[in-house]
Amino acid sequence: MKAQCLCKAVTIETADNQEIHACHCNNCRKWGGSAGFTVMVQSIKTNDTDHISTYQSAEWGERAFCKTCGSHLYFHQFGMDNYYVSAGLFDEVDFKLKSQIFIDKKAGYYELTNNTPKLTEAEFIAMVTGE
């Protein structure tokens, strides 16, 4: 699948995956103004790393954005080496919401009515750290 930022300076190619995940953590909400909707993939290919800037927002990962337009590109999870690419960067993909994480951190001003598995912060951290 192919994604691109708002100004088209950065393109990202991923494996085909039409499942998206919603993250309600404080970092995702502050980064994007609401829940973060992402496509999880094991690797990505980018066309131009000169336009990409990263910020380590957690001990276990970093966020990337376009230096030119500010589009949120992905969250890279260290260790497991997963990439969570912003779903809004993809044009015309029929995504299906697969899961919601950090459900206990969700803001009170919205509700997702999809019937999906929901993990709390503690459940998600235990899953990714193996504890």
C-alpha atoms as a PDB file:
ATOM      1  CA  MET A   1       0.000   0.000   0.000  1.00  0.00           C
ATOM      2  CA  LYS A   2       1.152   3.535  -0.616  1.00  0.00           C
ATOM      3  CA  ALA A   3       0.716   6.535   1.684  1.00  0.00           C
ATOM      4  CA  GLN A   4       1.797  10.145   1.410  1.00  0.00           C
ATOM      5  CA  CYS A   5       1.902  13.238   3.560  1.00  0.00           C
ATOM      6  CA  LEU A   6      -0.132  16.372   2.879  1.00  0.00           C
ATOM      7  CA  CYS A   7       2.574  18.131   0.831  1.00  0.00           C
ATOM      8  CA  LYS A   8       3.553  14.851  -0.923  1.00  0.00           C
ATOM      9  CA  ALA A   9       7.228  15.237   0.038  1.00  0.00           C
ATOM     10  CA  VAL A  10       7.148  11.901   1.888  1.00  0.00           C
ATOM     11  CA  THR A  11       5.704   8.686   0.545  1.00  0.00           C
ATOM     12  CA  ILE A  12       5.566   5.467   2.509  1.00  0.00           C
ATOM     13  CA  GLU A  13       5.124   1.975   1.104  1.00  0.00           C
ATOM     14  CA  THR A  14       3.835  -0.808   3.344  1.00  0.00           C
ATOM     15  CA  ALA A  15       2.656  -4.365   3.078  1.00  0.00           C
ATOM     16  CA  ASP A  16      -1.036  -4.736   2.346  1.00  0.00           C
ATOM     17  CA  ASN A  17      -2.926  -4.527   5.646  1.00  0.00           C
ATOM     18  CA  GLN A  18      -6.444  -3.152   5.794  1.00  0.00           C
ATOM     19  CA  GLU A  19      -6.823  -3.418   9.563  1.00  0.00           C
ATOM     20  CA  ILE A  20      -6.494  -0.250  11.615  1.00  0.00           C
ATOM     21  CA  HIS A  21      -6.066   0.161  15.346  1.00  0.00           C
ATOM     22  CA  ALA A  22      -7.220   3.046  17.524  1.00  0.00           C
ATOM     23  CA  CYS A  23      -4.930   4.226  20.304  1.00  0.00           C
ATOM     24  CA  HIS A  24      -6.417   6.415  23.023  1.00  0.00           C
ATOM     25  CA  CYS A  25      -3.183   7.120  24.948  1.00  0.00           C
ATOM     26  CA  ASN A  26      -2.334  10.649  26.038  1.00  0.00           C
ATOM     27  CA  ASN A  27       0.556  10.877  23.550  1.00  0.00           C
ATOM     28  CA  CYS A  28      -1.585   9.931  20.533  1.00  0.00           C
ATOM     29  CA  ARG A  29      -4.337  12.301  21.611  1.00  0.00           C
ATOM     30  CA  LYS A  30      -1.865  15.172  22.063  1.00  0.00           C
ATOM     31  CA  TRP A  31      -0.116  14.359  18.797  1.00  0.00           C
ATOM     32  CA  GLY A  32      -3.257  14.254  16.666  1.00  0.00           C
ATOM     33  CA  GLY A  33      -6.019  15.896  18.688  1.00  0.00           C
ATOM     34  CA  SER A  34      -7.969  12.661  19.178  1.00  0.00           C
ATOM     35  CA  ALA A  35      -7.432   8.918  19.049  1.00  0.00           C
ATOM     36  CA  GLY A  36      -4.609   7.778  16.794  1.00  0.00           C
ATOM     37  CA  PHE A  37      -5.815   5.570  13.925  1.00  0.00           C
ATOM     38  CA  THR A  38      -2.947   3.530  12.519  1.00  0.00           C
ATOM     39  CA  VAL A  39      -2.013   0.595  10.294  1.00  0.00           C
ATOM     40  CA  MET A  40       0.487  -1.764  11.950  1.00  0.00           C
ATOM     41  CA  VAL A  41       3.219  -3.173   9.691  1.00  0.00           C
ATOM     42  CA  GLN A  42       6.616  -4.789  10.280  1.00  0.00           C
ATOM     43  CA  SER A  43       8.526  -2.572   7.874  1.00  0.00           C
ATOM     44  CA  ILE A  44       8.167   0.507   5.695  1.00  0.00           C
ATOM     45  CA  LYS A  45       9.927   2.025   2.705  1.00  0.00           C
ATOM     46  CA  THR A  46      10.180   5.792   2.456  1.00  0.00           C
ATOM     47  CA  ASN A  47      11.183   7.832  -0.551  1.00  0.00           C
ATOM     48  CA  ASP A  48      13.024  10.672   1.175  1.00  0.00           C
ATOM     49  CA  THR A  49      14.340  10.584   4.736  1.00  0.00           C
ATOM     50  CA  ASP A  50      15.519  14.225   4.426  1.00  0.00           C
ATOM     51  CA  HIS A  51      11.902  15.371   4.941  1.00  0.00           C
ATOM     52  CA  ILE A  52      11.319  13.132   7.976  1.00  0.00           C
ATOM     53  CA  SER A  53      11.948  14.204  11.541  1.00  0.00           C
ATOM     54  CA  THR A  54      11.546  11.955  14.582  1.00  0.00           C
ATOM     55  CA  TYR A  55      10.778  12.522  18.228  1.00  0.00           C
ATOM     56  CA  GLN A  56      11.231   9.846  20.909  1.00  0.00           C
ATOM     57  CA  SER A  57       7.909  10.135  22.737  1.00  0.00           C
ATOM     58  CA  ALA A  58       8.307   7.004  24.878  1.00  0.00           C
ATOM     59  CA  GLU A  59      11.111   4.773  26.122  1.00  0.00           C
ATOM     60  CA  TRP A  60       9.912   2.153  23.670  1.00  0.00           C
ATOM     61  CA  GLY A  61       9.257   4.216  20.546  1.00  0.00           C
ATOM     62  CA  GLU A  62       9.463   7.330  18.423  1.00  0.00           C
ATOM     63  CA  ARG A  63       7.076   9.375  16.295  1.00  0.00           C
ATOM     64  CA  ALA A  64       7.883  10.611  12.802  1.00  0.00           C
ATOM     65  CA  PHE A  65       6.477  13.574  10.950  1.00  0.00           C
ATOM     66  CA  CYS A  66       7.090  15.492   7.729  1.00  0.00           C
ATOM     67  CA  LYS A  67       9.432  18.449   8.254  1.00  0.00           C
ATOM     68  CA  THR A  68       7.660  20.436   5.540  1.00  0.00           C
ATOM     69  CA  CYS A  69       3.911  20.051   6.212  1.00  0.00           C
ATOM     70  CA  GLY A  70       3.919  18.503   9.700  1.00  0.00           C
ATOM     71  CA  SER A  71       1.860  15.452   8.735  1.00  0.00           C
ATOM     72  CA  HIS A  72       2.023  12.667  11.304  1.00  0.00           C
ATOM     73  CA  LEU A  73       3.688   9.752   9.542  1.00  0.00           C
ATOM     74  CA  TYR A  74       4.158   6.861  11.957  1.00  0.00           C
ATOM     75  CA  PHE A  75       5.016   5.616  15.413  1.00  0.00           C
ATOM     76  CA  HIS A  76       8.005   3.237  15.412  1.00  0.00           C
ATOM     77  CA  GLN A  77       7.947   0.736  18.275  1.00  0.00           C
ATOM     78  CA  PHE A  78      11.454  -0.299  19.293  1.00  0.00           C
ATOM     79  CA  GLY A  79      12.183  -3.914  20.187  1.00  0.00           C
ATOM     80  CA  MET A  80       9.329  -5.491  18.238  1.00  0.00           C
ATOM     81  CA  ASP A  81      10.212  -3.160  15.339  1.00  0.00           C
ATOM     82  CA  ASN A  82       6.576  -2.417  14.486  1.00  0.00           C
ATOM     83  CA  TYR A  83       5.513   0.661  12.579  1.00  0.00           C
ATOM     84  CA  TYR A  84       2.101   2.213  13.171  1.00  0.00           C
ATOM     85  CA  VAL A  85       1.475   4.314  10.056  1.00  0.00           C
ATOM     86  CA  SER A  86      -1.207   7.013  10.281  1.00  0.00           C
ATOM     87  CA  ALA A  87      -4.308   5.690   8.511  1.00  0.00           C
ATOM     88  CA  GLY A  88      -5.181   9.133   7.114  1.00  0.00           C
ATOM     89  CA  LEU A  89      -2.108   9.065   4.867  1.00  0.00           C
ATOM     90  CA  PHE A  90      -3.632   6.320   2.700  1.00  0.00           C
ATOM     91  CA  ASP A  91      -6.074   7.261  -0.059  1.00  0.00           C
ATOM     92  CA  GLU A  92      -9.139   5.143  -0.750  1.00  0.00           C
ATOM     93  CA  VAL A  93      -8.394   2.099   1.389  1.00  0.00           C
ATOM     94  CA  ASP A  94     -11.382   0.305   2.894  1.00  0.00           C
ATOM     95  CA  PHE A  95     -10.018  -0.059   6.422  1.00  0.00           C
ATOM     96  CA  LYS A  96     -11.665  -2.086   9.179  1.00  0.00           C
ATOM     97  CA  LEU A  97     -11.168  -1.149  12.840  1.00  0.00           C
ATOM     98  CA  LYS A  98      -9.471  -4.179  14.454  1.00  0.00           C
ATOM     99  CA  SER A  99      -8.770  -3.086  18.046  1.00  0.00           C
ATOM    100  CA  GLN A 100      -8.573  -0.242  20.534  1.00  0.00           C
ATOM    101  CA  ILE A 101      -5.750   0.212  23.017  1.00  0.00           C
ATOM    102  CA  PHE A 102      -5.318   2.424  26.092  1.00  0.00           C
ATOM    103  CA  ILE A 103      -9.100   2.349  26.371  1.00  0.00           C
ATOM    104  CA  ASP A 104      -8.829   3.501  29.999  1.00  0.00           C
ATOM    105  CA  LYS A 105      -7.158   6.732  28.762  1.00  0.00           C
ATOM    106  CA  LYS A 106      -9.870   7.583  26.196  1.00  0.00           C
ATOM    107  CA  ALA A 107     -11.135  11.160  26.297  1.00  0.00           C
ATOM    108  CA  GLY A 108     -14.751  11.576  27.353  1.00  0.00           C
ATOM    109  CA  TYR A 109     -15.758  13.658  24.331  1.00  0.00           C
ATOM    110  CA  TYR A 110     -16.039  10.772  21.835  1.00  0.00           C
ATOM    111  CA  GLU A 111     -17.139   7.158  21.703  1.00  0.00           C
ATOM    112  CA  LEU A 112     -16.257   4.527  19.108  1.00  0.00           C
ATOM    113  CA  THR A 113     -19.170   2.144  18.766  1.00  0.00           C
ATOM    114  CA  ASN A 114     -17.337  -0.549  16.801  1.00  0.00           C
ATOM    115  CA  ASN A 115     -17.344  -3.935  18.510  1.00  0.00           C
ATOM    116  CA  THR A 116     -13.582  -4.515  18.807  1.00  0.00           C
ATOM    117  CA  PRO A 117     -11.193  -5.958  21.375  1.00  0.00           C
ATOM    118  CA  LYS A 118     -10.247  -3.240  23.876  1.00  0.00           C
ATOM    119  CA  LEU A 119      -7.061  -3.212  25.956  1.00  0.00           C
ATOM    120  CA  THR A 120      -6.255  -0.988  28.909  1.00  0.00           C
ATOM    121  CA  GLU A 121      -2.849   0.651  29.274  1.00  0.00           C
ATOM    122  CA  ALA A 122      -1.660  -2.105  31.644  1.00  0.00           C
ATOM    123  CA  GLU A 123      -2.909  -4.884  29.353  1.00  0.00           C
ATOM    124  CA  PHE A 124      -1.215  -3.357  26.313  1.00  0.00           C
ATOM    125  CA  ILE A 125       2.109  -2.750  28.106  1.00  0.00           C
ATOM    126  CA  ALA A 126       2.075  -6.345  29.385  1.00  0.00           C
ATOM    127  CA  MET A 127       1.434  -7.584  25.853  1.00  0.00           C
ATOM    128  CA  VAL A 128       4.319  -5.650  24.236  1.00  0.00           C
ATOM    129  CA  THR A 129       6.824  -6.234  27.036  1.00  0.00           C
ATOM    130  CA  GLY A 130       5.902  -9.870  27.685  1.00  0.00           C
ATOM    131  CA  GLU A 131       5.432  -9.213  31.408  1.00  0.00           C
END
